Amino acid sequence: MRALLFDFFGTLVEYQPDRTRLGSPRTHELAGTMGFDGSHEEFVRIWNSASTGLEHTARQTMREFSMTDAAHAFGASAEIPLSNDQADELGQSFVAEWARHIVPIDGVFDLIHDLAVEY
């Protein structure tokens, strides 16, 4: 055997797949500096809706979207035009907040180590 592939989310790490259950206060605040004047709840709703639309398209096209794409979709939905630099910054901010909730599944490090040693 030369390689073993694992699905990352749900197999190697636990995460919250429902974006609406996670807070994104820093990204909401950053969006405010870019012209968004809605509440945090409104930000989460619009971001989630825009991302869900991109996920639907990705399933059809088999092409993954970036967080910059998600930020542009959010901006379009919120009617705030974002430059590419702003969309990059907003996307990176969202990912940083989202990633704080990703944790390795108990025992996964030992499992991978044991597999590497065995093969």
N, C-alpha and C. Protein backbone atom coordinates (compact mmCIF):
# COMPACT_ATOMS: atom_id res chain seq x y z
N MET A 1 0.86 -1.17 0.00
CA MET A 1 0.00 0.00 0.00
C MET A 1 0.91 1.23 0.00
N ARG A 2 0.60 2.18 -0.89
CA ARG A 2 1.42 3.39 -1.01
C ARG A 2 0.75 4.60 -0.36
N ALA A 3 -0.56 4.57 -0.24
CA ALA A 3 -1.25 5.73 0.32
C ALA A 3 -2.57 5.30 0.94
N LEU A 4 -2.98 6.06 1.90
CA LEU A 4 -4.28 5.87 2.54
C LEU A 4 -4.92 7.24 2.64
N LEU A 5 -6.11 7.39 2.09
CA LEU A 5 -6.79 8.68 2.10
C LEU A 5 -7.88 8.69 3.17
N PHE A 6 -7.99 9.80 3.84
CA PHE A 6 -9.03 9.99 4.85
C PHE A 6 -9.87 11.19 4.46
N ASP A 7 -11.16 11.11 4.71
CA ASP A 7 -12.00 12.30 4.66
C ASP A 7 -11.64 13.11 5.90
N PHE A 8 -11.46 14.39 5.74
CA PHE A 8 -10.99 15.22 6.84
C PHE A 8 -12.09 15.51 7.85
N PHE A 9 -13.16 16.17 7.40
CA PHE A 9 -14.22 16.61 8.31
C PHE A 9 -15.12 15.45 8.72
N GLY A 10 -15.23 15.26 10.02
CA GLY A 10 -16.05 14.19 10.54
C GLY A 10 -15.31 12.87 10.70
N THR A 11 -14.14 12.75 10.09
CA THR A 11 -13.32 11.55 10.21
C THR A 11 -12.09 11.82 11.05
N LEU A 12 -11.39 12.89 10.72
CA LEU A 12 -10.18 13.25 11.46
C LEU A 12 -10.42 14.40 12.43
N VAL A 13 -11.36 15.26 12.12
CA VAL A 13 -11.67 16.39 12.99
C VAL A 13 -13.17 16.54 13.17
N GLU A 14 -13.53 17.10 14.32
CA GLU A 14 -14.92 17.46 14.57
C GLU A 14 -15.08 18.94 14.22
N TYR A 15 -16.24 19.27 13.70
CA TYR A 15 -16.50 20.66 13.32
C TYR A 15 -18.00 20.89 13.35
N GLN A 16 -18.39 22.14 13.30
CA GLN A 16 -19.81 22.50 13.26
C GLN A 16 -20.15 22.82 11.80
N PRO A 17 -20.88 21.93 11.13
CA PRO A 17 -21.19 22.18 9.71
C PRO A 17 -22.22 23.28 9.48
N ASP A 18 -22.96 23.64 10.52
CA ASP A 18 -23.99 24.67 10.40
C ASP A 18 -23.39 26.03 10.71
N ARG A 19 -23.09 26.79 9.66
CA ARG A 19 -22.48 28.11 9.84
C ARG A 19 -23.31 29.03 10.71
N THR A 20 -24.62 28.85 10.72
CA THR A 20 -25.49 29.76 11.48
C THR A 20 -25.35 29.56 12.98
N ARG A 21 -24.74 28.46 13.40
CA ARG A 21 -24.57 28.21 14.84
C ARG A 21 -23.25 28.76 15.38
N LEU A 22 -22.43 29.28 14.48
CA LEU A 22 -21.14 29.83 14.88
C LEU A 22 -21.19 31.35 14.82
N GLY A 23 -20.55 31.98 15.73
CA GLY A 23 -20.47 33.43 15.69
C GLY A 23 -19.28 33.89 14.86
N SER A 24 -19.45 35.00 14.22
CA SER A 24 -18.36 35.60 13.43
C SER A 24 -18.28 37.09 13.74
N PRO A 25 -18.09 37.44 15.02
CA PRO A 25 -18.14 38.86 15.38
C PRO A 25 -17.05 39.70 14.72
N ARG A 26 -15.84 39.16 14.59
CA ARG A 26 -14.76 39.96 13.97
C ARG A 26 -15.02 40.16 12.48
N THR A 27 -15.54 39.12 11.83
CA THR A 27 -15.83 39.26 10.40
C THR A 27 -17.01 40.21 10.20
N HIS A 28 -18.00 40.16 11.08
CA HIS A 28 -19.11 41.09 11.03
C HIS A 28 -18.61 42.52 11.19
N GLU A 29 -17.72 42.71 12.16
CA GLU A 29 -17.15 44.04 12.40
C GLU A 29 -16.36 44.52 11.17
N LEU A 30 -15.58 43.61 10.58
CA LEU A 30 -14.81 43.96 9.38
C LEU A 30 -15.75 44.32 8.23
N ALA A 31 -16.82 43.56 8.07
CA ALA A 31 -17.80 43.86 7.01
C ALA A 31 -18.38 45.25 7.23
N GLY A 32 -18.54 45.65 8.50
CA GLY A 32 -19.04 46.98 8.81
C GLY A 32 -18.13 48.07 8.29
N THR A 33 -16.82 47.82 8.34
CA THR A 33 -15.89 48.82 7.82
C THR A 33 -15.93 48.90 6.30
N MET A 34 -16.56 47.90 5.69
CA MET A 34 -16.66 47.85 4.23
C MET A 34 -18.03 48.27 3.72
N GLY A 35 -18.87 48.73 4.65
CA GLY A 35 -20.17 49.25 4.24
C GLY A 35 -21.38 48.46 4.69
N PHE A 36 -21.19 47.32 5.36
CA PHE A 36 -22.33 46.54 5.84
C PHE A 36 -22.83 47.16 7.13
N ASP A 37 -24.14 47.46 7.20
CA ASP A 37 -24.67 48.12 8.40
C ASP A 37 -25.69 47.26 9.15
N GLY A 38 -25.74 45.97 8.84
CA GLY A 38 -26.71 45.08 9.50
C GLY A 38 -26.17 44.51 10.80
N SER A 39 -27.05 43.86 11.53
CA SER A 39 -26.70 43.21 12.79
C SER A 39 -25.85 41.97 12.53
N HIS A 40 -25.28 41.44 13.61
CA HIS A 40 -24.52 40.20 13.49
C HIS A 40 -25.40 39.08 12.96
N GLU A 41 -26.62 38.98 13.47
CA GLU A 41 -27.54 37.94 13.02
C GLU A 41 -27.84 38.07 11.53
N GLU A 42 -28.00 39.30 11.07
CA GLU A 42 -28.24 39.53 9.65
C GLU A 42 -27.00 39.16 8.83
N PHE A 43 -25.83 39.50 9.34
CA PHE A 43 -24.59 39.12 8.67
C PHE A 43 -24.52 37.60 8.50
N VAL A 44 -24.76 36.87 9.59
CA VAL A 44 -24.70 35.40 9.56
C VAL A 44 -25.71 34.85 8.56
N ARG A 45 -26.91 35.39 8.56
CA ARG A 45 -27.96 34.91 7.65
C ARG A 45 -27.56 35.14 6.20
N ILE A 46 -27.07 36.33 5.88
CA ILE A 46 -26.70 36.64 4.49
C ILE A 46 -25.48 35.82 4.07
N TRP A 47 -24.48 35.72 4.94
CA TRP A 47 -23.28 34.94 4.60
C TRP A 47 -23.67 33.48 4.35
N ASN A 48 -24.50 32.93 5.22
CA ASN A 48 -24.92 31.54 5.07
C ASN A 48 -25.70 31.33 3.78
N SER A 49 -26.61 32.22 3.48
CA SER A 49 -27.41 32.10 2.26
C SER A 49 -26.52 32.18 1.02
N ALA A 50 -25.59 33.12 1.01
CA ALA A 50 -24.68 33.26 -0.13
C ALA A 50 -23.80 32.02 -0.28
N SER A 51 -23.30 31.50 0.83
CA SER A 51 -22.46 30.31 0.79
C SER A 51 -23.24 29.08 0.36
N THR A 52 -24.48 28.97 0.81
CA THR A 52 -25.32 27.85 0.41
C THR A 52 -25.55 27.84 -1.10
N GLY A 53 -25.74 29.02 -1.66
CA GLY A 53 -25.88 29.13 -3.12
C GLY A 53 -24.63 28.66 -3.84
N LEU A 54 -23.46 29.05 -3.32
CA LEU A 54 -22.20 28.61 -3.91
C LEU A 54 -22.02 27.10 -3.78
N GLU A 55 -22.43 26.54 -2.64
CA GLU A 55 -22.33 25.09 -2.44
C GLU A 55 -23.20 24.34 -3.44
N HIS A 56 -24.38 24.85 -3.69
CA HIS A 56 -25.28 24.24 -4.66
C HIS A 56 -24.63 24.23 -6.05
N THR A 57 -24.07 25.36 -6.44
CA THR A 57 -23.38 25.45 -7.73
C THR A 57 -22.19 24.50 -7.77
N ALA A 58 -21.44 24.42 -6.69
CA ALA A 58 -20.27 23.55 -6.64
C ALA A 58 -20.65 22.08 -6.82
N ARG A 59 -21.79 21.69 -6.25
CA ARG A 59 -22.24 20.30 -6.43
C ARG A 59 -22.58 20.02 -7.89
N GLN A 60 -23.09 21.03 -8.58
CA GLN A 60 -23.45 20.88 -9.99
C GLN A 60 -22.21 20.87 -10.89
N THR A 61 -21.26 21.74 -10.60
CA THR A 61 -20.10 21.92 -11.48
C THR A 61 -18.90 21.08 -11.06
N MET A 62 -18.94 20.57 -9.81
CA MET A 62 -17.81 19.83 -9.24
C MET A 62 -16.57 20.72 -9.12
N ARG A 63 -16.79 22.02 -8.94
CA ARG A 63 -15.70 22.98 -8.75
C ARG A 63 -15.88 23.67 -7.40
N GLU A 64 -14.87 23.53 -6.57
CA GLU A 64 -14.90 24.13 -5.24
C GLU A 64 -14.81 25.65 -5.35
N PHE A 65 -15.42 26.35 -4.42
CA PHE A 65 -15.32 27.81 -4.39
C PHE A 65 -14.38 28.21 -3.26
N SER A 66 -13.85 29.41 -3.36
CA SER A 66 -12.95 29.93 -2.33
C SER A 66 -13.73 30.80 -1.35
N MET A 67 -13.10 31.13 -0.26
CA MET A 67 -13.73 32.06 0.69
C MET A 67 -13.78 33.47 0.12
N THR A 68 -12.89 33.77 -0.80
CA THR A 68 -12.99 35.04 -1.52
C THR A 68 -14.27 35.06 -2.34
N ASP A 69 -14.58 33.93 -2.99
CA ASP A 69 -15.84 33.82 -3.73
C ASP A 69 -17.03 33.99 -2.78
N ALA A 70 -16.94 33.37 -1.59
CA ALA A 70 -18.03 33.49 -0.61
C ALA A 70 -18.20 34.94 -0.17
N ALA A 71 -17.09 35.63 0.03
CA ALA A 71 -17.17 37.03 0.43
C ALA A 71 -17.78 37.89 -0.68
N HIS A 72 -17.39 37.63 -1.93
CA HIS A 72 -18.00 38.36 -3.04
C HIS A 72 -19.50 38.08 -3.11
N ALA A 73 -19.90 36.82 -2.90
CA ALA A 73 -21.32 36.47 -2.92
C ALA A 73 -22.07 37.16 -1.78
N PHE A 74 -21.43 37.21 -0.60
CA PHE A 74 -22.01 37.95 0.52
C PHE A 74 -22.19 39.41 0.15
N GLY A 75 -21.14 40.02 -0.40
CA GLY A 75 -21.21 41.43 -0.79
C GLY A 75 -22.32 41.70 -1.79
N ALA A 76 -22.46 40.82 -2.77
CA ALA A 76 -23.53 40.98 -3.77
C ALA A 76 -24.89 40.87 -3.10
N SER A 77 -25.05 39.90 -2.20
CA SER A 77 -26.33 39.73 -1.51
C SER A 77 -26.65 40.89 -0.59
N ALA A 78 -25.61 41.44 0.03
CA ALA A 78 -25.79 42.56 0.97
C ALA A 78 -25.78 43.91 0.25
N GLU A 79 -25.59 43.86 -1.05
CA GLU A 79 -25.54 45.07 -1.87
C GLU A 79 -24.42 46.01 -1.46
N ILE A 80 -23.27 45.43 -1.15
CA ILE A 80 -22.06 46.22 -0.90
C ILE A 80 -20.97 45.68 -1.83
N PRO A 81 -20.62 46.46 -2.83
CA PRO A 81 -19.58 45.99 -3.75
C PRO A 81 -18.23 45.91 -3.03
N LEU A 82 -17.58 44.76 -3.15
CA LEU A 82 -16.29 44.56 -2.51
C LEU A 82 -15.20 44.47 -3.57
N SER A 83 -14.09 45.13 -3.30
CA SER A 83 -12.92 44.95 -4.17
C SER A 83 -12.38 43.53 -3.94
N ASN A 84 -11.50 43.08 -4.81
CA ASN A 84 -10.89 41.77 -4.60
C ASN A 84 -10.11 41.72 -3.30
N ASP A 85 -9.41 42.80 -2.97
CA ASP A 85 -8.66 42.84 -1.72
C ASP A 85 -9.59 42.77 -0.51
N GLN A 86 -10.70 43.49 -0.56
CA GLN A 86 -11.66 43.43 0.54
C GLN A 86 -12.26 42.03 0.67
N ALA A 87 -12.60 41.42 -0.46
CA ALA A 87 -13.17 40.07 -0.43
C ALA A 87 -12.15 39.07 0.12
N ASP A 88 -10.89 39.21 -0.27
CA ASP A 88 -9.85 38.34 0.29
C ASP A 88 -9.77 38.49 1.80
N GLU A 89 -9.74 39.74 2.26
CA GLU A 89 -9.63 40.00 3.70
C GLU A 89 -10.85 39.47 4.46
N LEU A 90 -12.02 39.69 3.92
CA LEU A 90 -13.25 39.22 4.57
C LEU A 90 -13.29 37.69 4.60
N GLY A 91 -12.92 37.06 3.49
CA GLY A 91 -12.89 35.59 3.44
C GLY A 91 -11.89 35.00 4.42
N GLN A 92 -10.71 35.60 4.50
CA GLN A 92 -9.70 35.12 5.45
C GLN A 92 -10.16 35.29 6.89
N SER A 93 -10.84 36.38 7.17
CA SER A 93 -11.36 36.62 8.51
C SER A 93 -12.40 35.56 8.88
N PHE A 94 -13.29 35.28 7.94
CA PHE A 94 -14.32 34.27 8.20
C PHE A 94 -13.69 32.91 8.47
N VAL A 95 -12.74 32.50 7.65
CA VAL A 95 -12.09 31.21 7.83
C VAL A 95 -11.39 31.13 9.18
N ALA A 96 -10.72 32.20 9.58
CA ALA A 96 -10.02 32.21 10.87
C ALA A 96 -11.01 32.01 12.02
N GLU A 97 -12.16 32.66 11.95
CA GLU A 97 -13.15 32.48 13.03
C GLU A 97 -13.77 31.09 12.98
N TRP A 98 -14.06 30.61 11.79
CA TRP A 98 -14.68 29.29 11.63
C TRP A 98 -13.72 28.19 12.10
N ALA A 99 -12.43 28.33 11.79
CA ALA A 99 -11.45 27.30 12.10
C ALA A 99 -11.22 27.13 13.60
N ARG A 100 -11.55 28.14 14.39
CA ARG A 100 -11.38 28.02 15.84
C ARG A 100 -12.21 26.89 16.42
N HIS A 101 -13.24 26.46 15.71
CA HIS A 101 -14.15 25.43 16.21
C HIS A 101 -13.78 24.03 15.72
N ILE A 102 -12.72 23.91 14.93
CA ILE A 102 -12.30 22.61 14.41
C ILE A 102 -11.32 21.99 15.40
N VAL A 103 -11.61 20.76 15.85
CA VAL A 103 -10.75 20.08 16.80
C VAL A 103 -10.53 18.63 16.34
N PRO A 104 -9.33 18.11 16.56
CA PRO A 104 -9.07 16.72 16.20
C PRO A 104 -9.95 15.76 17.01
N ILE A 105 -10.37 14.70 16.37
CA ILE A 105 -11.12 13.65 17.06
C ILE A 105 -10.15 12.93 18.00
N ASP A 106 -10.63 12.61 19.19
CA ASP A 106 -9.79 11.92 20.18
C ASP A 106 -9.15 10.68 19.57
N GLY A 107 -7.85 10.56 19.75
CA GLY A 107 -7.11 9.39 19.30
C GLY A 107 -6.62 9.43 17.87
N VAL A 108 -6.97 10.46 17.11
CA VAL A 108 -6.62 10.49 15.69
C VAL A 108 -5.10 10.60 15.49
N PHE A 109 -4.41 11.36 16.35
CA PHE A 109 -2.96 11.48 16.20
C PHE A 109 -2.29 10.12 16.37
N ASP A 110 -2.70 9.38 17.40
CA ASP A 110 -2.12 8.06 17.63
C ASP A 110 -2.45 7.11 16.48
N LEU A 111 -3.66 7.17 15.97
CA LEU A 111 -4.05 6.32 14.84
C LEU A 111 -3.16 6.56 13.63
N ILE A 112 -2.99 7.83 13.27
CA ILE A 112 -2.17 8.15 12.10
C ILE A 112 -0.71 7.75 12.35
N HIS A 113 -0.22 8.01 13.53
CA HIS A 113 1.15 7.61 13.86
C HIS A 113 1.31 6.09 13.74
N ASP A 114 0.38 5.35 14.32
CA ASP A 114 0.46 3.89 14.26
C ASP A 114 0.40 3.37 12.84
N LEU A 115 -0.45 3.96 12.01
CA LEU A 115 -0.52 3.55 10.61
C LEU A 115 0.78 3.85 9.89
N ALA A 116 1.38 5.00 10.16
CA ALA A 116 2.63 5.37 9.50
C ALA A 116 3.76 4.42 9.90
N VAL A 117 3.81 4.06 11.15
CA VAL A 117 4.86 3.16 11.62
C VAL A 117 4.67 1.77 11.04
N GLU A 118 3.42 1.32 10.96
CA GLU A 118 3.13 -0.02 10.49
C GLU A 118 3.42 -0.20 9.01
N TYR A 119 3.22 0.85 8.22
CA TYR A 119 3.40 0.74 6.77
C TYR A 119 4.57 1.56 6.35
